[in-house]
Amino acid sequence: MKGAYPIIISKTKDGYYVEIPDFDIGTQGATVPDAMEMARDAIGLMGIDYQDEGKELPLANSHSFETNADDIVTLVDVDFSEYRKKVDNRAVKKNCTIPYWLNVEAEKAGVNYSKILQEALMKVLGIQRQGI
């Protein structure tokens, strides 16, 4: 199953923040192409989570959104069947706890918790990113 979802890319002092209105999530990237790829990854993960939980995927453009003059609005396509094959059904959710003040600062900065946790785990484990 394929879908194309709108994303809003906003320049930040450290890169780009991406809002994905249809899934009510955000991510970030160092460059515009990186931000688009991170959005595709976030949509893919959320999409297969929805499917695994028996939820219907949101329709593209199902949520309204506002933009600023400098924002980039574009579509990101995701093939959920192919994405599922790439992650081999091993996407898991992990719940972690951080201090409230740290969460406030991280949200202000538009931090992508999933990306940071993955990078930290790979560094600690001494492994490279695989396949996606």
Protein backbone atom coordinates (compact mmCIF):
# COMPACT_ATOMS: atom_id res chain seq x y z
CA MET A 1 0.00 0.00 0.00
CA LYS A 2 1.35 3.37 -1.02
CA GLY A 3 0.60 6.84 0.29
CA ALA A 4 1.85 10.39 -0.18
CA TYR A 5 1.61 12.72 2.78
CA PRO A 6 2.22 16.46 3.04
CA ILE A 7 5.08 17.65 5.20
CA ILE A 8 6.15 21.12 6.30
CA ILE A 9 9.91 21.71 6.46
CA SER A 10 11.05 24.67 8.57
CA LYS A 11 14.62 25.94 8.84
CA THR A 12 16.07 25.93 12.35
CA LYS A 13 19.44 27.14 13.56
CA ASP A 14 20.76 23.55 13.49
CA GLY A 15 19.04 22.15 10.40
CA TYR A 16 15.43 21.51 9.49
CA TYR A 17 12.34 20.57 11.49
CA VAL A 18 9.62 18.57 9.73
CA GLU A 19 5.96 18.58 10.72
CA ILE A 20 3.82 15.68 9.52
CA PRO A 21 0.24 16.84 10.17
CA ASP A 22 -1.64 13.70 9.10
CA PHE A 23 0.19 11.64 11.72
CA ASP A 24 0.55 14.48 14.25
CA ILE A 25 4.28 13.87 14.54
CA GLY A 26 7.51 15.67 13.79
CA THR A 27 11.10 14.86 13.00
CA GLN A 28 14.21 16.68 11.90
CA GLY A 29 17.16 16.51 9.55
CA ALA A 30 20.47 18.22 8.93
CA THR A 31 19.60 19.07 5.30
CA VAL A 32 16.38 19.26 3.30
CA PRO A 33 16.96 15.81 1.71
CA ASP A 34 17.80 14.37 5.14
CA ALA A 35 14.65 15.94 6.61
CA MET A 36 12.55 14.43 3.81
CA GLU A 37 14.10 11.00 4.40
CA MET A 38 13.51 11.29 8.15
CA ALA A 39 9.87 12.20 7.42
CA ARG A 40 9.52 9.15 5.16
CA ASP A 41 11.02 7.00 7.93
CA ALA A 42 8.71 8.49 10.59
CA ILE A 43 5.63 8.02 8.38
CA GLY A 44 6.68 4.47 7.59
CA LEU A 45 7.16 3.58 11.25
CA MET A 46 3.89 5.19 12.30
CA GLY A 47 2.05 3.58 9.39
CA ILE A 48 3.13 0.06 10.22
CA ASP A 49 2.38 0.74 13.90
CA TYR A 50 -1.14 1.80 12.90
CA GLN A 51 -1.53 -1.34 10.81
CA ASP A 52 -0.22 -3.59 13.58
CA GLU A 53 -2.68 -2.01 16.02
CA GLY A 54 -5.59 -2.48 13.58
CA LYS A 55 -6.00 1.27 13.01
CA GLU A 56 -6.71 2.79 9.63
CA LEU A 57 -3.97 4.90 8.12
CA PRO A 58 -4.89 8.58 8.00
CA LEU A 59 -5.83 9.93 4.62
CA ALA A 60 -3.39 12.34 3.04
CA ASN A 61 -4.30 15.98 3.71
CA SER A 62 -6.69 14.87 6.46
CA HIS A 63 -5.43 17.59 8.81
CA SER A 64 -5.20 21.29 8.16
CA PHE A 65 -1.93 23.05 8.83
CA GLU A 66 -0.45 26.50 8.81
CA THR A 67 2.82 27.54 7.28
CA ASN A 68 5.23 30.44 7.42
CA ALA A 69 6.52 32.22 4.34
CA ASP A 70 9.91 30.45 4.45
CA ASP A 71 8.50 26.94 5.02
CA ILE A 72 8.79 24.26 2.37
CA VAL A 73 5.57 22.30 1.83
CA THR A 74 5.94 19.11 -0.15
CA LEU A 75 4.72 15.52 -0.35
CA VAL A 76 6.60 12.46 0.84
CA ASP A 77 5.67 9.12 -0.65
CA VAL A 78 5.80 5.94 1.40
CA ASP A 79 5.26 2.38 0.25
CA PHE A 80 4.15 0.79 3.53
CA SER A 81 4.52 -2.76 2.20
CA GLU A 82 8.10 -2.12 1.10
CA TYR A 83 8.86 -0.25 4.31
CA ARG A 84 7.61 -3.19 6.35
CA LYS A 85 9.93 -5.51 4.43
CA LYS A 86 12.88 -3.20 5.08
CA VAL A 87 12.31 -3.09 8.81
CA ASP A 88 11.45 -6.79 8.84
CA ASN A 89 8.53 -6.27 11.23
CA ARG A 90 10.98 -5.50 14.01
CA ALA A 91 9.99 -1.93 14.75
CA VAL A 92 9.31 -1.70 18.45
CA LYS A 93 8.19 1.09 20.72
CA LYS A 94 10.21 1.75 23.82
CA ASN A 95 9.10 3.92 26.68
CA CYS A 96 11.76 5.86 28.51
CA THR A 97 11.67 8.44 31.26
CA ILE A 98 13.60 11.71 31.30
CA PRO A 99 13.43 14.69 33.66
CA TYR A 100 10.67 17.19 32.88
CA TRP A 101 13.08 20.11 32.45
CA LEU A 102 15.10 18.14 29.89
CA ASN A 103 11.95 17.30 27.95
CA VAL A 104 10.99 20.99 27.85
CA GLU A 105 14.39 21.98 26.47
CA ALA A 106 14.42 19.12 23.95
CA GLU A 107 10.95 20.02 22.66
CA LYS A 108 11.97 23.67 22.30
CA ALA A 109 14.91 22.51 20.20
CA GLY A 110 12.73 20.19 18.07
CA VAL A 111 14.70 17.13 19.13
CA ASN A 112 13.87 13.84 17.42
CA TYR A 113 13.95 11.43 20.37
CA SER A 114 13.78 8.32 18.20
CA LYS A 115 16.73 9.35 16.07
CA ILE A 116 18.87 10.27 19.08
CA LEU A 117 18.06 7.04 20.90
CA GLN A 118 18.84 4.97 17.81
CA GLU A 119 22.14 6.79 17.21
CA ALA A 120 23.13 6.48 20.88
CA LEU A 121 22.31 2.76 20.97
CA MET A 122 24.28 2.12 17.79
CA LYS A 123 27.25 4.06 19.20
CA VAL A 124 27.15 2.18 22.50
CA LEU A 125 26.79 -1.15 20.68
CA GLY A 126 29.39 -0.27 18.04
CA ILE A 127 27.12 -1.04 15.08
CA GLN A 128 26.20 0.76 11.84
CA ARG A 129 22.72 1.65 10.60
CA GLN A 130 21.28 -1.14 8.48
CA GLY A 131 19.10 -1.20 5.41
CA ILE A 132 16.47 1.56 5.63
